[in-house]
Amino acid sequence: MLRFLVLLGDDPPRPDPGTNGIMFLLPIIFIVFYMLILRPHKKQEQERMAMVKNLKKNDEVLTNAGIYGTVVDVSETDDKITVKVADNVRVKMTKGSVLRNLTNEEAAKEAKAAKEVKA
């Protein structure tokens, strides 16, 4: 009977194998997350802020609402611009509502094409 009780006894405690593996993987997961998501988003936001900062009169723009227009006034003190949508139709909006600066995009395409022709 004593043998039976010994067999029913608890096994000796085993060390927890999973904790060290998780602690090793956490920094790697964070680094991958940073490289794939945070860094490209930060770069894209910096490019957008530079585009908004460099808006000037007569730039053709596309707004977040899908409105194409031409910038007719840029406020240096406020975060406002006035966009001409059609004859006698002007819309005041924030600089942040500009999605793309079409004038700069066209100039960049032309410069790239001229550079490829030279090469």
C-alpha atoms as a PDB file:
ATOM      1  CA  MET A   1       0.000   0.000   0.000  1.00  0.00           C
ATOM      2  CA  LEU A   2       2.881   2.330   0.650  1.00  0.00           C
ATOM      3  CA  ARG A   3       4.024   1.858  -2.925  1.00  0.00           C
ATOM      4  CA  PHE A   4       0.588   2.879  -4.156  1.00  0.00           C
ATOM      5  CA  LEU A   5       0.670   6.083  -2.078  1.00  0.00           C
ATOM      6  CA  VAL A   6       4.115   6.938  -3.401  1.00  0.00           C
ATOM      7  CA  LEU A   7       2.851   6.528  -6.967  1.00  0.00           C
ATOM      8  CA  LEU A   8      -0.059   8.882  -6.264  1.00  0.00           C
ATOM      9  CA  GLY A   9       2.232  11.554  -4.872  1.00  0.00           C
ATOM     10  CA  ASP A  10       2.977  14.762  -6.796  1.00  0.00           C
ATOM     11  CA  ASP A  11       5.763  14.853  -9.306  1.00  0.00           C
ATOM     12  CA  PRO A  12       8.678  17.062  -8.413  1.00  0.00           C
ATOM     13  CA  PRO A  13       8.097  20.703  -9.505  1.00  0.00           C
ATOM     14  CA  ARG A  14       9.376  21.549 -12.961  1.00  0.00           C
ATOM     15  CA  PRO A  15      10.760  24.943 -13.951  1.00  0.00           C
ATOM     16  CA  ASP A  16       8.458  27.116 -16.087  1.00  0.00           C
ATOM     17  CA  PRO A  17       9.959  26.947 -19.618  1.00  0.00           C
ATOM     18  CA  GLY A  18       7.795  29.604 -21.299  1.00  0.00           C
ATOM     19  CA  THR A  19       8.746  32.794 -19.458  1.00  0.00           C
ATOM     20  CA  ASN A  20      12.241  33.209 -20.875  1.00  0.00           C
ATOM     21  CA  GLY A  21      11.083  32.654 -24.457  1.00  0.00           C
ATOM     22  CA  ILE A  22       8.386  35.322 -24.206  1.00  0.00           C
ATOM     23  CA  MET A  23      10.745  37.839 -22.636  1.00  0.00           C
ATOM     24  CA  PHE A  24      13.168  37.251 -25.481  1.00  0.00           C
ATOM     25  CA  LEU A  25      10.496  37.687 -28.169  1.00  0.00           C
ATOM     26  CA  LEU A  26       8.911  40.884 -26.804  1.00  0.00           C
ATOM     27  CA  PRO A  27      11.719  43.256 -27.904  1.00  0.00           C
ATOM     28  CA  ILE A  28      11.893  41.560 -31.299  1.00  0.00           C
ATOM     29  CA  ILE A  29       8.138  41.988 -31.807  1.00  0.00           C
ATOM     30  CA  PHE A  30       8.398  45.664 -30.805  1.00  0.00           C
ATOM     31  CA  ILE A  31      11.268  46.273 -33.244  1.00  0.00           C
ATOM     32  CA  VAL A  32       9.356  44.642 -36.112  1.00  0.00           C
ATOM     33  CA  PHE A  33       6.243  46.673 -35.247  1.00  0.00           C
ATOM     34  CA  TYR A  34       8.296  49.872 -35.242  1.00  0.00           C
ATOM     35  CA  MET A  35      10.000  49.112 -38.555  1.00  0.00           C
ATOM     36  CA  LEU A  36       6.843  48.049 -40.398  1.00  0.00           C
ATOM     37  CA  ILE A  37       4.238  50.444 -39.022  1.00  0.00           C
ATOM     38  CA  LEU A  38       5.485  53.375 -36.960  1.00  0.00           C
ATOM     39  CA  ARG A  39       8.498  54.441 -39.018  1.00  0.00           C
ATOM     40  CA  PRO A  40       6.755  54.596 -42.431  1.00  0.00           C
ATOM     41  CA  HIS A  41       3.790  56.416 -40.897  1.00  0.00           C
ATOM     42  CA  LYS A  42       6.089  58.988 -39.294  1.00  0.00           C
ATOM     43  CA  LYS A  43       7.908  59.552 -42.604  1.00  0.00           C
ATOM     44  CA  GLN A  44       4.607  59.942 -44.473  1.00  0.00           C
ATOM     45  CA  GLU A  45       3.361  62.448 -41.882  1.00  0.00           C
ATOM     46  CA  GLN A  46       6.565  64.501 -42.195  1.00  0.00           C
ATOM     47  CA  GLU A  47       6.176  64.623 -45.994  1.00  0.00           C
ATOM     48  CA  ARG A  48       2.554  65.715 -45.597  1.00  0.00           C
ATOM     49  CA  MET A  49       3.472  68.466 -43.126  1.00  0.00           C
ATOM     50  CA  ALA A  50       6.159  69.746 -45.517  1.00  0.00           C
ATOM     51  CA  MET A  51       3.641  69.766 -48.385  1.00  0.00           C
ATOM     52  CA  VAL A  52       1.096  71.701 -46.317  1.00  0.00           C
ATOM     53  CA  LYS A  53       3.746  74.136 -45.118  1.00  0.00           C
ATOM     54  CA  ASN A  54       4.849  74.865 -48.711  1.00  0.00           C
ATOM     55  CA  LEU A  55       1.385  75.657 -50.105  1.00  0.00           C
ATOM     56  CA  LYS A  56       1.385  78.858 -52.128  1.00  0.00           C
ATOM     57  CA  LYS A  57      -0.909  80.880 -54.335  1.00  0.00           C
ATOM     58  CA  ASN A  58      -1.931  79.298 -57.693  1.00  0.00           C
ATOM     59  CA  ASP A  59      -1.181  75.734 -56.545  1.00  0.00           C
ATOM     60  CA  GLU A  60      -3.706  73.206 -57.797  1.00  0.00           C
ATOM     61  CA  VAL A  61      -4.813  70.995 -54.901  1.00  0.00           C
ATOM     62  CA  LEU A  62      -7.046  68.061 -54.088  1.00  0.00           C
ATOM     63  CA  THR A  63      -8.800  68.187 -50.714  1.00  0.00           C
ATOM     64  CA  ASN A  64      -9.788  65.345 -48.410  1.00  0.00           C
ATOM     65  CA  ALA A  65     -13.385  65.884 -49.535  1.00  0.00           C
ATOM     66  CA  GLY A  66     -12.417  65.200 -53.166  1.00  0.00           C
ATOM     67  CA  ILE A  67     -12.664  68.817 -54.289  1.00  0.00           C
ATOM     68  CA  TYR A  68     -10.200  69.988 -56.946  1.00  0.00           C
ATOM     69  CA  GLY A  69      -9.316  73.663 -56.805  1.00  0.00           C
ATOM     70  CA  THR A  70      -6.693  76.377 -56.998  1.00  0.00           C
ATOM     71  CA  VAL A  71      -5.250  78.114 -53.946  1.00  0.00           C
ATOM     72  CA  VAL A  72      -5.962  81.848 -54.122  1.00  0.00           C
ATOM     73  CA  ASP A  73      -4.963  82.887 -50.598  1.00  0.00           C
ATOM     74  CA  VAL A  74      -2.700  81.405 -47.929  1.00  0.00           C
ATOM     75  CA  SER A  75      -2.829  82.817 -44.420  1.00  0.00           C
ATOM     76  CA  GLU A  76       0.611  83.014 -42.846  1.00  0.00           C
ATOM     77  CA  THR A  77      -0.723  83.571 -39.326  1.00  0.00           C
ATOM     78  CA  ASP A  78      -3.645  81.118 -39.273  1.00  0.00           C
ATOM     79  CA  ASP A  79      -4.060  77.590 -40.506  1.00  0.00           C
ATOM     80  CA  LYS A  80      -6.388  78.723 -43.303  1.00  0.00           C
ATOM     81  CA  ILE A  81      -6.340  78.807 -47.076  1.00  0.00           C
ATOM     82  CA  THR A  82      -8.873  79.921 -49.670  1.00  0.00           C
ATOM     83  CA  VAL A  83      -9.433  77.572 -52.600  1.00  0.00           C
ATOM     84  CA  LYS A  84     -11.111  78.622 -55.846  1.00  0.00           C
ATOM     85  CA  VAL A  85     -13.319  75.753 -56.979  1.00  0.00           C
ATOM     86  CA  ALA A  86     -15.114  77.429 -59.911  1.00  0.00           C
ATOM     87  CA  ASP A  87     -15.822  80.952 -61.142  1.00  0.00           C
ATOM     88  CA  ASN A  88     -17.085  83.020 -58.206  1.00  0.00           C
ATOM     89  CA  VAL A  89     -16.868  80.008 -55.868  1.00  0.00           C
ATOM     90  CA  ARG A  90     -14.216  80.226 -53.156  1.00  0.00           C
ATOM     91  CA  VAL A  91     -13.985  77.903 -50.191  1.00  0.00           C
ATOM     92  CA  LYS A  92     -12.085  78.664 -46.977  1.00  0.00           C
ATOM     93  CA  MET A  93     -10.572  75.622 -45.331  1.00  0.00           C
ATOM     94  CA  THR A  94      -7.730  74.534 -43.105  1.00  0.00           C
ATOM     95  CA  LYS A  95      -4.360  73.688 -44.587  1.00  0.00           C
ATOM     96  CA  GLY A  96      -4.644  70.195 -43.136  1.00  0.00           C
ATOM     97  CA  SER A  97      -7.619  69.417 -45.355  1.00  0.00           C
ATOM     98  CA  VAL A  98      -5.385  69.432 -48.448  1.00  0.00           C
ATOM     99  CA  LEU A  99      -4.644  65.864 -49.478  1.00  0.00           C
ATOM    100  CA  ARG A 100      -2.379  66.434 -52.486  1.00  0.00           C
ATOM    101  CA  ASN A 101      -0.621  69.350 -54.147  1.00  0.00           C
ATOM    102  CA  LEU A 102      -1.091  68.547 -57.835  1.00  0.00           C
ATOM    103  CA  THR A 103       1.183  71.360 -59.034  1.00  0.00           C
ATOM    104  CA  ASN A 104       4.154  69.975 -57.090  1.00  0.00           C
ATOM    105  CA  GLU A 105       3.402  66.421 -58.246  1.00  0.00           C
ATOM    106  CA  GLU A 106       3.400  67.502 -61.902  1.00  0.00           C
ATOM    107  CA  ALA A 107       6.651  69.432 -61.438  1.00  0.00           C
ATOM    108  CA  ALA A 108       8.257  66.382 -59.815  1.00  0.00           C
ATOM    109  CA  LYS A 109       7.129  64.149 -62.700  1.00  0.00           C
ATOM    110  CA  GLU A 110       8.560  66.569 -65.263  1.00  0.00           C
ATOM    111  CA  ALA A 111      11.857  66.797 -63.387  1.00  0.00           C
ATOM    112  CA  LYS A 112      12.077  63.018 -63.179  1.00  0.00           C
ATOM    113  CA  ALA A 113      11.330  62.677 -66.906  1.00  0.00           C
ATOM    114  CA  ALA A 114      13.962  65.298 -67.774  1.00  0.00           C
ATOM    115  CA  LYS A 115      16.493  63.499 -65.582  1.00  0.00           C
ATOM    116  CA  GLU A 116      15.784  60.165 -67.318  1.00  0.00           C
ATOM    117  CA  VAL A 117      16.181  61.787 -70.744  1.00  0.00           C
ATOM    118  CA  LYS A 118      19.603  63.165 -69.726  1.00  0.00           C
ATOM    119  CA  ALA A 119      20.791  59.775 -68.529  1.00  0.00           C
END
